[in-house]
Every structure is written in C-alpha cells, then in structure tokens.
Protein backbone atom coordinates (compact mmCIF):
# COMPACT_ATOMS: atom_id res chain seq x y z
CA UNK A 1 -44.79 -78.08 12.16
CA UNK A 2 -44.89 -75.55 14.98
CA UNK A 3 -44.04 -76.82 18.49
CA UNK A 4 -43.33 -74.51 21.40
CA UNK A 5 -43.07 -75.30 25.07
CA UNK A 6 -42.30 -73.70 28.39
CA UNK A 7 -42.02 -74.83 32.04
CA UNK A 8 -44.91 -73.53 34.13
CA UNK A 9 -45.59 -73.15 37.82
CA UNK A 10 -43.77 -74.31 40.94
CA UNK A 11 -43.41 -77.85 39.61
CA UNK A 12 -41.79 -76.73 36.36
CA UNK A 13 -44.29 -78.70 34.28
CA UNK A 14 -43.65 -78.47 30.56
CA UNK A 15 -46.67 -77.11 28.68
CA UNK A 16 -46.65 -77.49 24.89
CA UNK A 17 -48.50 -75.73 22.09
CA UNK A 18 -48.56 -77.65 18.80
CA UNK A 19 -49.83 -76.63 15.36
CA UNK A 20 -49.16 -77.41 11.72
CA UNK A 21 -47.86 -73.85 11.33
CA UNK A 22 -48.22 -70.34 12.79
CA UNK A 23 -51.62 -68.84 12.09
CA UNK A 24 -53.40 -72.20 12.36
CA UNK A 25 -55.52 -74.08 14.87
CA UNK A 26 -53.47 -75.66 17.64
CA UNK A 27 -53.57 -78.04 20.57
CA UNK A 28 -52.32 -77.42 24.10
CA UNK A 29 -50.70 -80.25 26.05
CA UNK A 30 -50.60 -80.30 29.87
CA UNK A 31 -51.48 -76.77 31.01
CA UNK A 32 -50.26 -76.81 34.60
CA UNK A 33 -50.29 -74.12 37.27
CA UNK A 34 -49.59 -70.62 35.94
CA UNK A 35 -49.62 -71.90 32.33
CA UNK A 36 -52.55 -69.80 31.11
CA UNK A 37 -50.56 -66.57 30.70
CA UNK A 38 -47.80 -68.31 28.74
CA UNK A 39 -50.33 -69.99 26.47
CA UNK A 40 -52.10 -66.69 25.85
CA UNK A 41 -48.83 -64.98 24.96
CA UNK A 42 -47.87 -67.77 22.55
CA UNK A 43 -51.30 -67.83 20.95
CA UNK A 44 -51.31 -64.08 20.35
CA UNK A 45 -47.70 -63.95 19.14
CA UNK A 46 -48.20 -66.71 16.56
CA UNK A 47 -51.86 -66.05 15.71
CA UNK A 48 -52.98 -69.51 16.88
CA UNK A 49 -56.42 -70.83 17.78
CA UNK A 50 -56.48 -73.56 20.49
CA UNK A 51 -59.18 -76.14 19.74
CA UNK A 52 -58.16 -78.95 22.13
CA UNK A 53 -56.33 -79.49 25.41
CA UNK A 54 -54.65 -82.89 25.71
CA UNK A 55 -53.65 -84.26 29.11
CA UNK A 56 -50.97 -86.92 29.52
CA UNK A 57 -52.39 -87.76 32.96
CA UNK A 58 -54.48 -86.35 35.78
CA UNK A 59 -51.91 -85.05 38.27
CA UNK A 60 -52.67 -81.49 39.24
CA UNK A 61 -49.28 -80.16 38.14
CA UNK A 62 -50.34 -81.06 34.58
CA UNK A 63 -54.05 -80.19 34.79
CA UNK A 64 -54.27 -77.13 37.05
CA UNK A 65 -55.22 -74.73 34.24
CA UNK A 66 -57.20 -77.09 32.00
CA UNK A 67 -60.64 -75.68 32.86
CA UNK A 68 -59.74 -71.99 32.42
CA UNK A 69 -57.70 -72.65 29.27
CA UNK A 70 -60.39 -74.83 27.68
CA UNK A 71 -63.03 -72.30 28.69
CA UNK A 72 -61.14 -69.30 27.33
CA UNK A 73 -60.76 -70.82 23.87
CA UNK A 74 -63.91 -73.01 23.81
CA UNK A 75 -61.62 -76.02 23.43
CA UNK A 76 -62.28 -79.71 24.07
CA UNK A 77 -60.29 -81.42 26.85
CA UNK A 78 -59.06 -84.98 26.35
CA UNK A 79 -57.99 -87.33 29.18
CA UNK A 80 -57.91 -91.09 29.77
CA UNK A 81 -61.04 -92.21 31.68
CA UNK A 82 -58.93 -93.81 34.42
CA UNK A 83 -57.67 -90.34 35.40
CA UNK A 84 -60.77 -88.27 34.73
CA UNK A 85 -61.80 -88.23 38.40
CA UNK A 86 -58.62 -86.30 39.20
CA UNK A 87 -59.92 -83.27 37.31
CA UNK A 88 -62.41 -82.59 40.11
CA UNK A 89 -60.59 -84.35 42.94
CA UNK A 90 -56.86 -83.72 42.44
CA UNK A 91 -56.12 -84.65 46.06
CA UNK A 92 -56.82 -88.29 45.14
CA UNK A 93 -53.63 -88.44 43.11
CA UNK A 94 -51.07 -86.63 45.25
CA UNK A 95 -49.30 -87.01 48.56
CA UNK A 96 -51.10 -86.18 51.81
CA UNK A 97 -48.84 -83.19 52.44
CA UNK A 98 -49.49 -81.72 49.02
CA UNK A 99 -53.20 -82.47 49.32
CA UNK A 100 -53.38 -80.72 52.69
CA UNK A 101 -51.66 -77.69 51.19
CA UNK A 102 -54.11 -77.57 48.27
CA UNK A 103 -57.19 -78.20 50.36
CA UNK A 104 -56.10 -75.57 52.82
CA UNK A 105 -56.31 -72.94 50.10
CA UNK A 106 -60.04 -73.53 49.62
CA UNK A 107 -59.61 -74.00 45.87
CA UNK A 108 -62.29 -75.81 43.91
CA UNK A 109 -61.44 -77.73 40.75
CA UNK A 110 -64.01 -78.32 38.01
CA UNK A 111 -64.11 -80.15 34.70
CA UNK A 112 -64.10 -78.18 31.46
CA UNK A 113 -67.47 -78.03 29.71
CA UNK A 114 -66.41 -80.55 27.06
CA UNK A 115 -64.31 -83.54 28.21
CA UNK A 116 -63.69 -86.59 26.04
CA UNK A 117 -62.01 -89.94 26.65
CA UNK A 118 -58.67 -91.03 25.23
CA UNK A 119 -58.35 -94.67 24.15
CA UNK A 120 -55.22 -96.78 23.77
CA UNK A 121 -54.08 -96.97 20.18
CA UNK A 122 -56.59 -94.38 19.07
CA UNK A 123 -55.71 -91.64 16.63
CA UNK A 124 -56.95 -88.09 17.14
CA UNK A 125 -57.23 -85.89 14.08
CA UNK A 126 -57.30 -82.38 15.49
CA UNK A 127 -56.07 -79.03 14.15
CA UNK A 128 -54.67 -80.76 11.08
CA UNK A 129 -52.53 -83.00 13.28
CA UNK A 130 -52.57 -86.79 13.58
CA UNK A 131 -51.95 -87.84 17.16
CA UNK A 132 -51.56 -91.45 18.28
CA UNK A 133 -52.50 -92.22 21.89
CA UNK A 134 -50.48 -94.79 23.85
CA UNK A 135 -52.00 -95.77 27.20
CA UNK A 136 -48.98 -96.24 29.47
CA UNK A 137 -50.08 -96.78 33.10
CA UNK A 138 -47.66 -96.84 35.99
CA UNK A 139 -47.21 -93.22 36.96
CA UNK A 140 -51.00 -93.05 37.17
CA UNK A 141 -53.65 -95.50 36.03
CA UNK A 142 -54.62 -93.26 33.13
CA UNK A 143 -51.21 -92.04 31.98
CA UNK A 144 -50.79 -91.75 28.23
CA UNK A 145 -48.17 -90.59 25.76
CA UNK A 146 -48.92 -88.80 22.51
CA UNK A 147 -47.05 -89.33 19.24
CA UNK A 148 -47.37 -87.28 16.06
CA UNK A 149 -45.53 -87.61 12.73
CA UNK A 150 -42.76 -85.09 12.13
CA UNK A 151 -40.87 -86.18 9.03
CA UNK A 152 -38.22 -83.46 9.04
CA UNK A 153 -34.53 -83.41 9.98
CA UNK A 154 -34.42 -87.23 10.18
CA UNK A 155 -37.10 -87.23 12.89
CA UNK A 156 -39.99 -89.60 12.18
CA UNK A 157 -42.17 -88.64 15.15
CA UNK A 158 -42.37 -86.45 18.21
CA UNK A 159 -43.50 -88.06 21.44
CA UNK A 160 -45.04 -86.10 24.30
CA UNK A 161 -44.23 -88.50 27.10
CA UNK A 162 -45.76 -86.77 30.12
CA UNK A 163 -44.31 -88.39 33.24
CA UNK A 164 -43.70 -91.75 31.59
CA UNK A 165 -40.18 -91.02 30.36
CA UNK A 166 -37.69 -88.28 31.16
CA UNK A 167 -34.14 -87.60 30.04
CA UNK A 168 -32.23 -90.13 32.13
CA UNK A 169 -35.14 -91.18 34.31
CA UNK A 170 -38.83 -92.17 34.52
CA UNK A 171 -41.88 -90.97 36.42
CA UNK A 172 -42.36 -91.76 40.10
CA UNK A 173 -44.74 -94.56 41.06
CA UNK A 174 -45.17 -93.96 44.80
CA UNK A 175 -48.24 -91.72 44.60
CA UNK A 176 -51.85 -92.98 44.70
CA UNK A 177 -52.59 -94.87 41.49
CA UNK A 178 -48.91 -95.49 40.83
CA UNK A 179 -47.63 -99.00 40.15
CA UNK A 180 -43.95 -99.69 39.47
CA UNK A 181 -44.52 -103.07 37.81
CA UNK A 182 -47.03 -101.52 35.41
CA UNK A 183 -44.63 -98.67 34.73
CA UNK A 184 -41.96 -101.16 33.69
CA UNK A 185 -44.50 -102.94 31.48
CA UNK A 186 -45.39 -99.63 29.84
CA UNK A 187 -41.74 -98.83 29.20
CA UNK A 188 -41.16 -102.32 27.85
CA UNK A 189 -44.20 -102.39 25.57
CA UNK A 190 -44.73 -98.73 24.64
CA UNK A 191 -41.24 -97.22 24.62
CA UNK A 192 -38.62 -99.84 23.80
CA UNK A 193 -40.23 -100.83 20.46
CA UNK A 194 -40.14 -97.24 19.19
CA UNK A 195 -37.67 -95.93 16.60
CA UNK A 196 -34.48 -94.30 17.85
CA UNK A 197 -35.05 -91.10 15.87
CA UNK A 198 -38.22 -90.16 17.78
CA UNK A 199 -37.78 -86.93 19.74
CA UNK A 200 -39.18 -87.11 23.28
CA UNK A 201 -40.69 -83.99 24.83
CA UNK A 202 -41.27 -84.91 28.49
CA UNK A 203 -43.50 -83.47 31.18
CA UNK A 204 -40.49 -82.15 33.09
CA UNK A 205 -36.92 -81.36 32.10
CA UNK A 206 -35.10 -81.28 28.79
CA UNK A 207 -36.00 -82.95 25.53
CA UNK A 208 -34.33 -86.20 24.57
CA UNK A 209 -34.79 -89.03 22.06
CA UNK A 210 -35.67 -92.69 22.15
CA UNK A 211 -32.21 -93.57 20.85
CA UNK A 212 -30.47 -91.54 23.54
CA UNK A 213 -32.59 -93.03 26.31
CA UNK A 214 -32.13 -96.55 24.99
CA UNK A 215 -28.38 -96.35 25.60
CA UNK A 216 -28.23 -94.04 28.64
CA UNK A 217 -31.42 -94.39 30.69
CA UNK A 218 -30.75 -96.90 33.48
CA UNK A 219 -34.36 -98.10 33.56
CA UNK A 220 -34.46 -98.84 29.84
CA UNK A 221 -31.03 -100.45 30.00
CA UNK A 222 -32.21 -102.79 32.76
CA UNK A 223 -35.32 -103.69 30.77
CA UNK A 224 -33.26 -104.38 27.66
CA UNK A 225 -30.86 -106.59 29.62
CA UNK A 226 -33.72 -108.51 31.24
CA UNK A 227 -35.24 -109.02 27.80
CA UNK A 228 -31.99 -110.48 26.50
CA UNK A 229 -31.79 -112.78 29.54
CA UNK A 230 -35.34 -113.99 28.94
CA UNK A 231 -34.60 -114.82 25.31
CA UNK A 232 -31.49 -116.78 26.29
CA UNK A 233 -33.42 -118.64 28.99
CA UNK A 234 -36.11 -119.63 26.48
CA UNK A 235 -33.46 -120.74 24.02
CA UNK A 236 -34.37 -118.15 21.40
C-alpha cells in the first residue's frame, strides 16, 4: 500500500494520498488550505490518478481545497451529511474571529460537482481500497474516521482519525457543532474497542497507534478507568 502525507496551510492540517501502489488510482483525504500544490506534486511523482476526496469533517482547515482538487481530477467528494453545509458555509463551523477573517477576504466557497454522503459503518470500495467509515461526532456533528486494512509489519489497519484522536490528545469541542459528551461517547465506542496494532494518522501532528494512545492518552485513560468503575458498580 502507498500512503503519503504532508501538513498543509497555516493550520498544519495533514493531507493524505492513499493508493494500493504507485501508478494506480488513489484517494485524497482532507485537502486543506494550500494542499493542492502538494497533492499535484505527489500525483505526478508517483503517477497516481485521484478518483475520490474523502473528508473527515467539514471544518475549513480540512476542506479548503476540496472543490479545486476534486475539479482538477474529476474526483468525487465524500462527506457526512451532518457536515455538508460547511462546504458552502464554512463560517458556521468556526470561531467568530476566524469567520470574520475569512469573510473579510471576500472568498466564496462552493461544493464540488459530485458530492456523496458517508454513512456510519459503511464500506467504500474506491481505487482498489476498502475503507470503513466510523461516524464519530463530537468535534463536529458529522465527524468521521476512516479505516482501511493494511496487513503488513504487524499492522492490521490504518485509521485516518481526522480531529477525533491525536497523539496524546483529542479534538476540541468548543466550536459550533462541537459536543464534549458526544466526543467522549465516540472515543468510548469507536476508538477503545479497536485493536492496539492499528496505526493512527491524525488530522494534525504525528502518527501514533491505538495501543500507544490506550496507555498514554489522558482522555482514553480516563474513559478506561470510568469503564472499570462502572463494571464494578454493576457487580460485573
């Protein structure tokens, strides 16, 4: 499998290009601001053909370049329906200060020509890849994570976690559409049950693994402890 990523734009948003191998069709995940040039370079260097753009959520630091990238390669964009409105109205999902800065530039955001809905538990078969979609609200209402089989070097899957899970932390929940209780539910139900050997490629920062986060991430540690307390209380 071919996976390459780079941080793009002022927010340092990780953009990923994924294919079965060089010279094949590929998918692009989270093309943020200033990501288009990096994607083009990667595509040309490895002779790739983007056929889909997958979005972990609708925040503008992850979606800024989705329309131009999808348009350039005639690719389909995929996003959860709860976040689709943010493609054309990114100010609805960010702070007032950031919104004022964006609106002051006079920029207009549009949807790509072909946008399709992601569904929880669904499997996308694109570019020879099998991608499982986990709806994980909390950072935004439509946040998702993507998992794809890997099967090499004792790694069963790779997870593109967006802003659900970072190395040592989790996504913020204080922006419009954020909900801390739902974030904890998503971590409890969508992350903690996963195998330790899964590599996590987050929306910001360095890669990690489920096993590493299970024993070092304070949020996951708190959830695990609360789960143990609940089982003791119920007499299990």
